[in-house]
Amino acid sequence: MAWSLADEHGIPLADLLDVVRRDLDATVRSAGRTEAGMAGPRTSAGVLALLPAVGIALGEATGAAPLAVLTGTGLGAVLLLVGTGLVLAGVLWTSALTGRVMPR
C-alpha cells in the first residue's frame, strides 16, 4: 500500500513510512491512555461486587449468622437470589460500559 502510494503520487517512501509510524505510535499511546483511564472504574466495580460477600463475612464474624438466614428461610433464599442477580447485573453492566470505551 505505501509502496503504491509513493509510486502513484510521487511521495518519498521514507516520508510516507515516517507518517505511518507516527500514526501507529499515536494510536498505541491513545489505547494505553484509554486502558489506564478505565482501570479506576473497573477496580471500583470489582470492589462493589465484593462488598456483599464482605458484609456476609463480617456478619458471620460478629455472630449475626446471615448465612443461616439466607439459606434457612424462604425470604432469605429469595433475598439471596435477588442480591446475587443484582450483583451479577452490576458486573455485566460495568463490563459493557468499560468495554465500550476500549478501541476494537
C-alpha atoms as a PDB file:
ATOM      1  CA  MET A   1       0.000   0.000   0.000  1.00  0.00           C
ATOM      2  CA  ALA A   2       2.697   2.509   0.987  1.00  0.00           C
ATOM      3  CA  TRP A   3       4.785   1.488  -1.996  1.00  0.00           C
ATOM      4  CA  SER A   4       1.911   2.054  -4.445  1.00  0.00           C
ATOM      5  CA  LEU A   5       1.051   5.439  -2.858  1.00  0.00           C
ATOM      6  CA  ALA A   6       4.658   6.552  -3.129  1.00  0.00           C
ATOM      7  CA  ASP A   7       4.852   5.371  -6.718  1.00  0.00           C
ATOM      8  CA  GLU A   8       1.468   6.777  -7.788  1.00  0.00           C
ATOM      9  CA  HIS A   9       1.735  10.217  -6.177  1.00  0.00           C
ATOM     10  CA  GLY A  10       5.491  10.716  -6.167  1.00  0.00           C
ATOM     11  CA  ILE A  11       5.716  10.855  -2.386  1.00  0.00           C
ATOM     12  CA  PRO A  12       9.092   9.804  -0.996  1.00  0.00           C
ATOM     13  CA  LEU A  13       8.651   6.370   0.563  1.00  0.00           C
ATOM     14  CA  ALA A  14      10.709   7.277   3.645  1.00  0.00           C
ATOM     15  CA  ASP A  15       8.428  10.255   4.404  1.00  0.00           C
ATOM     16  CA  LEU A  16       5.328   8.140   3.911  1.00  0.00           C
ATOM     17  CA  LEU A  17       6.626   5.403   6.196  1.00  0.00           C
ATOM     18  CA  ASP A  18       7.544   8.012   8.817  1.00  0.00           C
ATOM     19  CA  VAL A  19       3.952   9.322   8.774  1.00  0.00           C
ATOM     20  CA  VAL A  20       2.613   5.766   9.122  1.00  0.00           C
ATOM     21  CA  ARG A  21       4.977   5.107  12.061  1.00  0.00           C
ATOM     22  CA  ARG A  22       3.909   8.324  13.826  1.00  0.00           C
ATOM     23  CA  ASP A  23       0.254   7.428  13.305  1.00  0.00           C
ATOM     24  CA  LEU A  24       0.794   3.958  14.757  1.00  0.00           C
ATOM     25  CA  ASP A  25       2.674   5.428  17.741  1.00  0.00           C
ATOM     26  CA  ALA A  26      -0.179   7.858  18.400  1.00  0.00           C
ATOM     27  CA  THR A  27      -2.732   5.048  18.177  1.00  0.00           C
ATOM     28  CA  VAL A  28      -0.791   2.889  20.648  1.00  0.00           C
ATOM     29  CA  ARG A  29      -0.381   5.813  23.082  1.00  0.00           C
ATOM     30  CA  SER A  30      -4.082   6.617  22.852  1.00  0.00           C
ATOM     31  CA  ALA A  31      -5.035   2.997  23.543  1.00  0.00           C
ATOM     32  CA  GLY A  32      -2.698   2.965  26.551  1.00  0.00           C
ATOM     33  CA  ARG A  33      -4.258   6.150  27.952  1.00  0.00           C
ATOM     34  CA  THR A  34      -7.740   4.733  27.457  1.00  0.00           C
ATOM     35  CA  GLU A  35      -6.778   1.488  29.202  1.00  0.00           C
ATOM     36  CA  ALA A  36      -5.276   3.432  32.112  1.00  0.00           C
ATOM     37  CA  GLY A  37      -8.384   5.603  32.327  1.00  0.00           C
ATOM     38  CA  MET A  38     -10.608   2.543  32.601  1.00  0.00           C
ATOM     39  CA  ALA A  39      -8.561   0.982  35.420  1.00  0.00           C
ATOM     40  CA  GLY A  40     -10.326   3.092  38.065  1.00  0.00           C
ATOM     41  CA  PRO A  41     -13.897   2.233  37.045  1.00  0.00           C
ATOM     42  CA  ARG A  42     -13.013  -1.452  36.691  1.00  0.00           C
ATOM     43  CA  THR A  43     -11.429  -1.525  40.146  1.00  0.00           C
ATOM     44  CA  SER A  44     -14.401   0.283  41.668  1.00  0.00           C
ATOM     45  CA  ALA A  45     -16.763  -2.224  40.078  1.00  0.00           C
ATOM     46  CA  GLY A  46     -14.729  -5.112  41.474  1.00  0.00           C
ATOM     47  CA  VAL A  47     -14.801  -3.644  44.975  1.00  0.00           C
ATOM     48  CA  LEU A  48     -18.547  -3.031  44.761  1.00  0.00           C
ATOM     49  CA  ALA A  49     -19.125  -6.590  43.548  1.00  0.00           C
ATOM     50  CA  LEU A  50     -17.225  -7.977  46.563  1.00  0.00           C
ATOM     51  CA  LEU A  51     -18.938  -5.826  49.196  1.00  0.00           C
ATOM     52  CA  PRO A  52     -21.905  -8.191  49.743  1.00  0.00           C
ATOM     53  CA  ALA A  53     -19.520 -11.081  50.427  1.00  0.00           C
ATOM     54  CA  VAL A  54     -17.544  -8.901  52.832  1.00  0.00           C
ATOM     55  CA  GLY A  55     -20.786  -7.949  54.578  1.00  0.00           C
ATOM     56  CA  ILE A  56     -21.763 -11.591  54.980  1.00  0.00           C
ATOM     57  CA  ALA A  57     -18.302 -12.442  56.299  1.00  0.00           C
ATOM     58  CA  LEU A  58     -18.470  -9.597  58.807  1.00  0.00           C
ATOM     59  CA  GLY A  59     -21.936 -10.696  59.862  1.00  0.00           C
ATOM     60  CA  GLU A  60     -20.679 -14.237  60.440  1.00  0.00           C
ATOM     61  CA  ALA A  61     -17.672 -12.914  62.356  1.00  0.00           C
ATOM     62  CA  THR A  62     -19.885 -10.908  64.695  1.00  0.00           C
ATOM     63  CA  GLY A  63     -22.312 -13.771  65.268  1.00  0.00           C
ATOM     64  CA  ALA A  64     -25.279 -12.350  63.343  1.00  0.00           C
ATOM     65  CA  ALA A  65     -25.496 -15.557  61.247  1.00  0.00           C
ATOM     66  CA  PRO A  66     -26.504 -14.045  57.909  1.00  0.00           C
ATOM     67  CA  LEU A  67     -25.813 -17.323  56.094  1.00  0.00           C
ATOM     68  CA  ALA A  68     -28.307 -19.112  58.318  1.00  0.00           C
ATOM     69  CA  VAL A  69     -30.919 -16.502  57.429  1.00  0.00           C
ATOM     70  CA  LEU A  70     -30.099 -16.531  53.710  1.00  0.00           C
ATOM     71  CA  THR A  71     -30.097 -20.310  53.394  1.00  0.00           C
ATOM     72  CA  GLY A  72     -32.511 -21.319  56.127  1.00  0.00           C
ATOM     73  CA  THR A  73     -35.591 -19.202  55.470  1.00  0.00           C
ATOM     74  CA  GLY A  74     -37.781 -18.713  52.427  1.00  0.00           C
ATOM     75  CA  LEU A  75     -37.438 -14.943  52.484  1.00  0.00           C
ATOM     76  CA  GLY A  76     -33.682 -15.287  52.939  1.00  0.00           C
ATOM     77  CA  ALA A  77     -33.438 -17.534  49.877  1.00  0.00           C
ATOM     78  CA  VAL A  78     -35.387 -15.014  47.821  1.00  0.00           C
ATOM     79  CA  LEU A  79     -33.145 -12.202  49.053  1.00  0.00           C
ATOM     80  CA  LEU A  80     -30.047 -14.271  48.273  1.00  0.00           C
ATOM     81  CA  LEU A  81     -31.239 -14.873  44.699  1.00  0.00           C
ATOM     82  CA  VAL A  82     -32.229 -11.252  44.170  1.00  0.00           C
ATOM     83  CA  GLY A  83     -28.955  -9.972  45.641  1.00  0.00           C
ATOM     84  CA  THR A  84     -26.876 -12.367  43.575  1.00  0.00           C
ATOM     85  CA  GLY A  85     -28.775 -11.346  40.451  1.00  0.00           C
ATOM     86  CA  LEU A  86     -28.217  -7.658  41.170  1.00  0.00           C
ATOM     87  CA  VAL A  87     -24.502  -8.147  41.748  1.00  0.00           C
ATOM     88  CA  LEU A  88     -24.227 -10.127  38.507  1.00  0.00           C
ATOM     89  CA  ALA A  89     -26.201  -7.474  36.613  1.00  0.00           C
ATOM     90  CA  GLY A  90     -23.927  -4.767  38.002  1.00  0.00           C
ATOM     91  CA  VAL A  91     -20.793  -6.603  36.959  1.00  0.00           C
ATOM     92  CA  LEU A  92     -22.148  -7.239  33.464  1.00  0.00           C
ATOM     93  CA  TRP A  93     -23.316  -3.637  33.109  1.00  0.00           C
ATOM     94  CA  THR A  94     -19.951  -2.261  34.213  1.00  0.00           C
ATOM     95  CA  SER A  95     -18.189  -4.632  31.849  1.00  0.00           C
ATOM     96  CA  ALA A  96     -20.370  -3.439  28.992  1.00  0.00           C
ATOM     97  CA  LEU A  97     -19.750   0.226  29.825  1.00  0.00           C
ATOM     98  CA  THR A  98     -15.994  -0.055  30.217  1.00  0.00           C
ATOM     99  CA  GLY A  99     -15.666  -2.407  27.267  1.00  0.00           C
ATOM    100  CA  ARG A 100     -17.497   0.029  25.007  1.00  0.00           C
ATOM    101  CA  VAL A 101     -14.821   2.676  25.560  1.00  0.00           C
ATOM    102  CA  MET A 102     -11.933   0.445  24.507  1.00  0.00           C
ATOM    103  CA  PRO A 103     -10.920   0.559  20.841  1.00  0.00           C
ATOM    104  CA  ARG A 104     -11.663  -2.603  18.941  1.00  0.00           C
END
